């Protein structure tokens, strides 16, 4: 069974910031599962028997090669979309995470072409389809 397709998938989504108004985003590569070429904030599926906070820390370390210094649960989103003609359904557990920007780098070069630091007034073009919803929902808490 494929998570998000054959059954509801659970994921952590993380908005990694420097506590000075900047946050990191990664540009998805041509080898990414979906939304190739789009900028995204980061996320990963929760595996069977893994805890949510354990997954959050593991995914940040894998994708950005850094540790979560602190984090805050923002809320959840019920994400239903169509991807290449396939309907998907995920429950996204959204977090705001403080990281050290000096240690952030691409940890999965097969999934990401580049990373960059942005603020909410200076976003890159071609955003992941779910980011406008994320930003609108949490704009007062980011």
N, C-alpha and C. Protein backbone atom coordinates (compact mmCIF):
# COMPACT_ATOMS: atom_id res chain seq x y z
N UNK A 1 0.83 -1.19 0.00
CA UNK A 1 0.00 0.00 0.00
C UNK A 1 0.87 1.25 0.00
N UNK A 2 0.46 2.21 -0.78
CA UNK A 2 1.22 3.46 -0.90
C UNK A 2 0.55 4.54 -0.04
N UNK A 3 1.34 5.09 0.91
CA UNK A 3 0.83 6.14 1.78
C UNK A 3 0.36 7.33 0.96
N UNK A 4 -0.78 7.88 1.36
CA UNK A 4 -1.31 9.05 0.69
C UNK A 4 -2.13 8.73 -0.55
N UNK A 5 -2.03 7.48 -1.03
CA UNK A 5 -2.78 7.07 -2.23
C UNK A 5 -3.77 5.97 -1.87
N UNK A 6 -3.27 4.87 -1.31
CA UNK A 6 -4.12 3.74 -0.94
C UNK A 6 -4.70 3.88 0.46
N UNK A 7 -4.07 4.73 1.26
CA UNK A 7 -4.53 5.03 2.61
C UNK A 7 -4.05 6.44 2.94
N UNK A 8 -4.65 7.03 3.97
CA UNK A 8 -4.24 8.39 4.35
C UNK A 8 -2.81 8.35 4.87
N UNK A 9 -1.98 9.24 4.36
CA UNK A 9 -0.61 9.35 4.83
C UNK A 9 -0.52 10.41 5.91
N UNK A 10 0.39 10.22 6.83
CA UNK A 10 0.66 11.21 7.88
C UNK A 10 2.05 11.77 7.66
N UNK A 11 2.16 13.09 7.75
CA UNK A 11 3.46 13.70 7.52
C UNK A 11 3.71 14.82 8.51
N UNK A 12 4.99 15.14 8.67
CA UNK A 12 5.39 16.34 9.39
C UNK A 12 5.85 17.33 8.33
N UNK A 13 5.48 18.58 8.53
CA UNK A 13 5.91 19.67 7.64
C UNK A 13 6.58 20.69 8.53
N UNK A 14 7.76 21.17 8.10
CA UNK A 14 8.51 22.06 8.97
C UNK A 14 8.94 23.34 8.27
N UNK A 15 8.68 24.42 8.99
CA UNK A 15 9.05 25.77 8.60
C UNK A 15 10.28 26.10 9.44
N UNK A 16 11.47 25.87 8.87
CA UNK A 16 12.73 26.07 9.60
C UNK A 16 13.19 27.52 9.46
N UNK A 17 13.36 28.19 10.59
CA UNK A 17 13.67 29.61 10.58
C UNK A 17 14.91 29.90 11.43
N UNK A 18 15.41 31.14 11.28
CA UNK A 18 16.62 31.56 12.00
C UNK A 18 16.33 32.47 13.18
N UNK A 19 15.07 32.70 13.48
CA UNK A 19 14.60 33.59 14.55
C UNK A 19 14.88 35.06 14.26
N UNK A 20 15.21 35.38 12.99
CA UNK A 20 15.48 36.76 12.60
C UNK A 20 14.67 37.15 11.36
N UNK A 21 13.62 36.37 11.07
CA UNK A 21 12.75 36.70 9.95
C UNK A 21 13.02 35.93 8.67
N UNK A 22 14.03 35.09 8.66
CA UNK A 22 14.35 34.31 7.46
C UNK A 22 14.01 32.83 7.70
N UNK A 23 13.65 32.15 6.63
CA UNK A 23 13.40 30.71 6.70
C UNK A 23 13.96 30.04 5.46
N UNK A 24 14.26 28.76 5.59
CA UNK A 24 14.91 28.02 4.51
C UNK A 24 13.87 27.29 3.67
N UNK A 25 14.15 27.27 2.36
CA UNK A 25 13.34 26.51 1.41
C UNK A 25 14.28 25.75 0.49
N UNK A 26 13.77 24.64 -0.03
CA UNK A 26 14.55 23.83 -0.97
C UNK A 26 13.79 23.72 -2.29
N UNK A 27 14.54 23.76 -3.38
CA UNK A 27 13.95 23.60 -4.71
C UNK A 27 13.98 22.12 -5.08
N UNK A 28 12.81 21.57 -5.33
CA UNK A 28 12.67 20.14 -5.62
C UNK A 28 13.29 19.80 -6.98
N UNK A 29 14.05 18.72 -7.03
CA UNK A 29 14.76 18.33 -8.25
C UNK A 29 13.85 17.54 -9.18
N UNK A 30 14.37 17.21 -10.35
CA UNK A 30 13.64 16.38 -11.30
C UNK A 30 13.46 14.95 -10.80
N UNK A 31 14.22 14.56 -9.77
CA UNK A 31 14.08 13.23 -9.19
C UNK A 31 13.13 13.20 -8.00
N UNK A 32 12.60 14.35 -7.61
CA UNK A 32 11.65 14.41 -6.50
C UNK A 32 10.37 13.66 -6.88
N UNK A 33 9.64 13.21 -5.87
CA UNK A 33 8.42 12.42 -6.10
C UNK A 33 7.38 13.20 -6.89
N UNK A 34 7.26 14.50 -6.58
CA UNK A 34 6.26 15.32 -7.25
C UNK A 34 6.66 16.79 -7.18
N UNK A 35 5.89 17.63 -7.82
CA UNK A 35 6.10 19.08 -7.83
C UNK A 35 7.55 19.47 -8.12
N UNK A 36 8.08 18.83 -9.14
CA UNK A 36 9.47 19.07 -9.57
C UNK A 36 9.68 20.55 -9.93
N UNK A 37 10.81 21.10 -9.48
CA UNK A 37 11.13 22.49 -9.76
C UNK A 37 10.47 23.49 -8.83
N UNK A 38 9.63 23.01 -7.92
CA UNK A 38 8.93 23.91 -6.98
C UNK A 38 9.74 24.07 -5.69
N UNK A 39 9.61 25.23 -5.10
CA UNK A 39 10.24 25.52 -3.81
C UNK A 39 9.30 25.07 -2.70
N UNK A 40 9.89 24.44 -1.66
CA UNK A 40 9.11 23.89 -0.57
C UNK A 40 9.84 24.12 0.75
N UNK A 41 9.11 24.06 1.86
CA UNK A 41 9.74 24.30 3.16
C UNK A 41 10.30 23.04 3.80
N UNK A 42 9.79 21.89 3.52
CA UNK A 42 10.33 20.65 4.06
C UNK A 42 9.25 19.79 4.70
N UNK A 43 9.42 18.50 4.57
CA UNK A 43 8.47 17.58 5.16
C UNK A 43 8.85 16.15 4.89
N UNK A 44 8.19 15.27 5.62
CA UNK A 44 8.44 13.84 5.44
C UNK A 44 7.34 13.02 6.08
N UNK A 45 7.16 11.82 5.57
CA UNK A 45 6.13 10.92 6.07
C UNK A 45 6.51 10.31 7.41
N UNK A 46 5.51 10.12 8.24
CA UNK A 46 5.69 9.44 9.52
C UNK A 46 5.60 7.94 9.25
N UNK A 47 6.66 7.23 9.58
CA UNK A 47 6.71 5.78 9.34
C UNK A 47 6.04 5.03 10.49
N UNK A 48 5.55 3.86 10.20
CA UNK A 48 4.93 3.01 11.20
C UNK A 48 5.90 2.80 12.37
N UNK A 49 5.43 2.99 13.57
CA UNK A 49 6.17 2.84 14.83
C UNK A 49 7.10 4.00 15.15
N UNK A 50 7.21 5.01 14.27
CA UNK A 50 8.01 6.20 14.59
C UNK A 50 7.08 7.24 15.20
N UNK A 51 7.59 7.98 16.17
CA UNK A 51 6.81 9.05 16.77
C UNK A 51 6.87 10.30 15.91
N UNK A 52 5.94 11.20 16.11
CA UNK A 52 5.86 12.44 15.33
C UNK A 52 7.09 13.30 15.58
N UNK A 53 7.45 13.54 16.83
CA UNK A 53 8.61 14.39 17.13
C UNK A 53 9.91 13.73 16.69
N UNK A 54 9.99 12.43 16.82
CA UNK A 54 11.16 11.68 16.34
C UNK A 54 11.29 11.86 14.82
N UNK A 55 10.18 11.77 14.10
CA UNK A 55 10.17 11.95 12.64
C UNK A 55 10.58 13.37 12.28
N UNK A 56 10.06 14.34 13.00
CA UNK A 56 10.39 15.74 12.75
C UNK A 56 11.91 15.96 12.82
N UNK A 57 12.52 15.52 13.89
CA UNK A 57 13.97 15.70 14.08
C UNK A 57 14.77 14.93 13.03
N UNK A 58 14.35 13.70 12.75
CA UNK A 58 15.04 12.85 11.77
C UNK A 58 14.98 13.47 10.37
N UNK A 59 13.81 13.94 9.97
CA UNK A 59 13.65 14.49 8.63
C UNK A 59 14.44 15.79 8.45
N UNK A 60 14.47 16.65 9.46
CA UNK A 60 15.25 17.89 9.38
C UNK A 60 16.72 17.58 9.25
N UNK A 61 17.19 16.61 10.01
CA UNK A 61 18.59 16.21 9.93
C UNK A 61 18.91 15.62 8.54
N UNK A 62 18.01 14.80 8.01
CA UNK A 62 18.23 14.20 6.69
C UNK A 62 18.21 15.25 5.57
N UNK A 63 17.20 16.11 5.56
CA UNK A 63 17.03 17.06 4.46
C UNK A 63 17.96 18.27 4.56
N UNK A 64 18.17 18.78 5.78
CA UNK A 64 18.92 20.03 5.95
C UNK A 64 20.22 19.89 6.74
N UNK A 65 20.57 18.66 7.14
CA UNK A 65 21.84 18.39 7.84
C UNK A 65 22.00 19.21 9.12
N UNK A 66 20.92 19.51 9.79
CA UNK A 66 20.99 20.31 11.00
C UNK A 66 19.99 19.79 12.02
N UNK A 67 20.17 20.23 13.25
CA UNK A 67 19.29 19.81 14.33
C UNK A 67 18.22 20.86 14.60
N UNK A 68 17.10 20.40 15.08
CA UNK A 68 16.04 21.29 15.53
C UNK A 68 16.44 21.81 16.91
N UNK A 69 16.65 23.12 17.03
CA UNK A 69 17.03 23.70 18.32
C UNK A 69 15.81 23.82 19.23
N UNK A 70 14.67 24.14 18.65
CA UNK A 70 13.39 24.15 19.36
C UNK A 70 12.30 24.09 18.30
N UNK A 71 11.12 23.72 18.72
CA UNK A 71 10.02 23.64 17.76
C UNK A 71 8.69 23.87 18.45
N UNK A 72 7.74 24.30 17.63
CA UNK A 72 6.39 24.60 18.09
C UNK A 72 5.41 23.97 17.12
N UNK A 73 4.45 23.24 17.65
CA UNK A 73 3.39 22.67 16.82
C UNK A 73 2.43 23.78 16.43
N UNK A 74 2.22 23.98 15.13
CA UNK A 74 1.34 25.02 14.64
C UNK A 74 -0.10 24.54 14.49
N UNK A 75 -0.25 23.30 14.03
CA UNK A 75 -1.57 22.75 13.76
C UNK A 75 -1.49 21.68 12.69
N UNK A 76 -2.62 21.34 12.13
CA UNK A 76 -2.63 20.33 11.08
C UNK A 76 -3.41 20.83 9.88
N UNK A 77 -3.14 20.19 8.75
CA UNK A 77 -3.90 20.44 7.52
C UNK A 77 -4.34 19.11 6.95
N UNK A 78 -5.56 19.07 6.45
CA UNK A 78 -6.11 17.90 5.77
C UNK A 78 -5.87 18.13 4.28
N UNK A 79 -4.78 17.55 3.76
CA UNK A 79 -4.31 17.86 2.41
C UNK A 79 -4.83 16.83 1.41
N UNK A 80 -5.76 17.29 0.58
CA UNK A 80 -6.30 16.45 -0.50
C UNK A 80 -5.99 17.15 -1.80
N UNK A 81 -5.36 16.43 -2.68
CA UNK A 81 -5.02 17.03 -3.97
C UNK A 81 -4.92 15.95 -5.02
N UNK A 82 -4.75 16.38 -6.26
CA UNK A 82 -4.53 15.44 -7.35
C UNK A 82 -3.14 15.70 -7.88
N UNK A 83 -2.39 14.64 -8.05
CA UNK A 83 -1.00 14.74 -8.49
C UNK A 83 -0.81 13.84 -9.70
N UNK A 84 -0.69 14.44 -10.86
CA UNK A 84 -0.52 13.64 -12.07
C UNK A 84 -1.68 12.70 -12.33
N UNK A 85 -2.90 13.13 -12.00
CA UNK A 85 -4.07 12.30 -12.22
C UNK A 85 -4.37 11.34 -11.08
N UNK A 86 -3.51 11.30 -10.06
CA UNK A 86 -3.70 10.41 -8.92
C UNK A 86 -4.13 11.25 -7.72
N UNK A 87 -5.25 10.87 -7.11
CA UNK A 87 -5.72 11.58 -5.92
C UNK A 87 -4.87 11.16 -4.72
N UNK A 88 -4.47 12.14 -3.92
CA UNK A 88 -3.70 11.86 -2.72
C UNK A 88 -4.38 12.51 -1.51
N UNK A 89 -4.13 11.94 -0.34
CA UNK A 89 -4.72 12.44 0.90
C UNK A 89 -3.71 12.26 2.03
N UNK A 90 -3.31 13.38 2.61
CA UNK A 90 -2.34 13.40 3.71
C UNK A 90 -2.86 14.24 4.86
N UNK A 91 -2.54 13.85 6.05
CA UNK A 91 -2.72 14.70 7.22
C UNK A 91 -1.34 15.27 7.52
N UNK A 92 -1.19 16.58 7.38
CA UNK A 92 0.09 17.25 7.59
C UNK A 92 0.11 17.87 8.97
N UNK A 93 1.09 17.48 9.78
CA UNK A 93 1.30 18.04 11.10
C UNK A 93 2.36 19.12 10.95
N UNK A 94 1.97 20.37 11.14
CA UNK A 94 2.81 21.51 10.80
C UNK A 94 3.55 22.06 12.01
N UNK A 95 4.85 22.31 11.82
CA UNK A 95 5.72 22.80 12.89
C UNK A 95 6.51 24.02 12.45
N UNK A 96 6.79 24.88 13.40
CA UNK A 96 7.75 25.98 13.24
C UNK A 96 8.98 25.56 14.02
N UNK A 97 10.14 25.55 13.35
CA UNK A 97 11.35 24.98 13.94
C UNK A 97 12.51 25.97 13.85
N UNK A 98 13.14 26.21 14.97
CA UNK A 98 14.34 27.05 15.01
C UNK A 98 15.55 26.19 14.69
N UNK A 99 16.36 26.65 13.72
CA UNK A 99 17.60 25.96 13.35
C UNK A 99 18.73 26.97 13.30
N UNK A 100 19.95 26.46 13.32
CA UNK A 100 21.13 27.30 13.15
C UNK A 100 21.40 27.43 11.66
N UNK A 101 21.24 28.61 11.07
CA UNK A 101 21.42 28.75 9.62
C UNK A 101 22.84 28.43 9.15
N UNK A 102 23.81 28.53 10.04
CA UNK A 102 25.20 28.25 9.67
C UNK A 102 25.43 26.77 9.36
N UNK A 103 24.58 25.89 9.87
CA UNK A 103 24.76 24.46 9.66
C UNK A 103 23.86 23.87 8.59
N UNK A 104 22.92 24.65 8.08
CA UNK A 104 21.95 24.15 7.09
C UNK A 104 22.62 23.96 5.73
N UNK A 105 22.41 22.79 5.16
CA UNK A 105 22.86 22.50 3.80
C UNK A 105 21.98 21.38 3.23
N UNK A 106 22.11 21.12 1.96
CA UNK A 106 21.31 20.07 1.31
C UNK A 106 21.82 18.71 1.77
N UNK A 107 20.94 17.94 2.37
CA UNK A 107 21.29 16.60 2.82
C UNK A 107 20.85 15.51 1.86
N UNK A 108 19.95 15.84 0.94
CA UNK A 108 19.46 14.86 -0.02
C UNK A 108 19.53 15.47 -1.43
N UNK A 109 20.74 15.50 -1.99
CA UNK A 109 20.93 16.15 -3.30
C UNK A 109 20.15 15.49 -4.43
N UNK A 110 19.71 14.26 -4.25
CA UNK A 110 18.89 13.63 -5.27
C UNK A 110 17.46 14.18 -5.27
N UNK A 111 17.05 14.82 -4.17
CA UNK A 111 15.70 15.36 -4.09
C UNK A 111 15.64 16.88 -4.28
N UNK A 112 16.77 17.55 -4.01
CA UNK A 112 16.77 19.02 -4.04
C UNK A 112 17.93 19.56 -4.86
N UNK A 113 17.64 20.56 -5.69
CA UNK A 113 18.67 21.18 -6.51
C UNK A 113 19.40 22.30 -5.78
N UNK A 114 18.68 23.03 -4.94
CA UNK A 114 19.30 24.14 -4.21
C UNK A 114 18.45 24.50 -3.00
N UNK A 115 19.06 25.25 -2.09
CA UNK A 115 18.33 25.79 -0.96
C UNK A 115 18.58 27.29 -0.90
N UNK A 116 17.69 27.98 -0.22
CA UNK A 116 17.84 29.42 -0.07
C UNK A 116 17.10 29.89 1.16
N UNK A 117 17.47 31.07 1.63
CA UNK A 117 16.82 31.70 2.78
C UNK A 117 15.95 32.84 2.29
N UNK A 118 14.72 32.88 2.75
CA UNK A 118 13.73 33.83 2.28
C UNK A 118 12.98 34.43 3.46
N UNK A 119 12.18 35.46 3.17
CA UNK A 119 11.22 35.95 4.15
C UNK A 119 9.86 35.97 3.47
N UNK A 120 8.81 36.20 4.24
CA UNK A 120 7.45 36.12 3.69
C UNK A 120 7.16 37.18 2.65
N UNK A 121 7.96 38.24 2.60
CA UNK A 121 7.79 39.30 1.60
C UNK A 121 8.66 39.11 0.37
N UNK A 122 9.47 38.07 0.37
CA UNK A 122 10.40 37.82 -0.73
C UNK A 122 10.48 36.32 -1.00
N UNK A 123 9.42 35.78 -1.59
CA UNK A 123 9.35 34.34 -1.86
C UNK A 123 9.85 34.04 -3.28
N UNK A 124 10.45 32.87 -3.47
CA UNK A 124 10.87 32.49 -4.83
C UNK A 124 9.64 32.17 -5.68
N UNK A 125 9.83 32.18 -6.97
CA UNK A 125 8.71 31.82 -7.85
C UNK A 125 8.61 30.30 -7.95
N UNK A 126 7.45 29.85 -8.34
CA UNK A 126 7.11 28.43 -8.46
C UNK A 126 7.16 27.73 -7.10
N UNK A 127 6.16 28.01 -6.29
CA UNK A 127 6.03 27.42 -4.96
C UNK A 127 5.28 26.09 -5.02
N UNK A 128 5.57 25.21 -4.08
CA UNK A 128 4.81 23.97 -3.90
C UNK A 128 3.34 24.34 -3.77
N UNK A 129 2.46 23.55 -4.32
CA UNK A 129 1.03 23.87 -4.38
C UNK A 129 0.39 24.07 -3.00
N UNK A 130 0.95 23.49 -1.96
CA UNK A 130 0.35 23.59 -0.62
C UNK A 130 0.88 24.77 0.20
N UNK A 131 1.93 25.44 -0.27
CA UNK A 131 2.50 26.53 0.51
C UNK A 131 1.57 27.73 0.69
N UNK A 132 0.84 28.17 -0.33
CA UNK A 132 -0.08 29.29 -0.09
C UNK A 132 -1.08 29.01 1.04
N UNK A 133 -1.57 27.79 1.14
CA UNK A 133 -2.49 27.40 2.20
C UNK A 133 -1.77 27.45 3.55
N UNK A 134 -0.55 26.92 3.60
CA UNK A 134 0.25 26.93 4.83
C UNK A 134 0.49 28.36 5.29
N UNK A 135 0.97 29.20 4.39
CA UNK A 135 1.27 30.59 4.75
C UNK A 135 0.02 31.34 5.20
N UNK A 136 -1.09 31.13 4.54
CA UNK A 136 -2.32 31.81 4.92
C UNK A 136 -2.80 31.35 6.31
N UNK A 137 -2.74 30.06 6.55
CA UNK A 137 -3.23 29.52 7.81
C UNK A 137 -2.39 30.00 9.00
N UNK A 138 -1.07 30.10 8.82
CA UNK A 138 -0.18 30.37 9.95
C UNK A 138 0.50 31.74 9.89
N UNK A 139 0.08 32.61 8.98
CA UNK A 139 0.79 33.87 8.75
C UNK A 139 1.03 34.69 10.01
N UNK A 140 0.15 34.64 10.97
CA UNK A 140 0.31 35.42 12.20
C UNK A 140 1.23 34.74 13.20
N UNK A 141 1.65 33.51 12.92
CA UNK A 141 2.50 32.77 13.87
C UNK A 141 3.89 32.49 13.32
N UNK A 142 4.15 32.91 12.09
CA UNK A 142 5.45 32.65 11.50
C UNK A 142 6.37 33.83 11.74
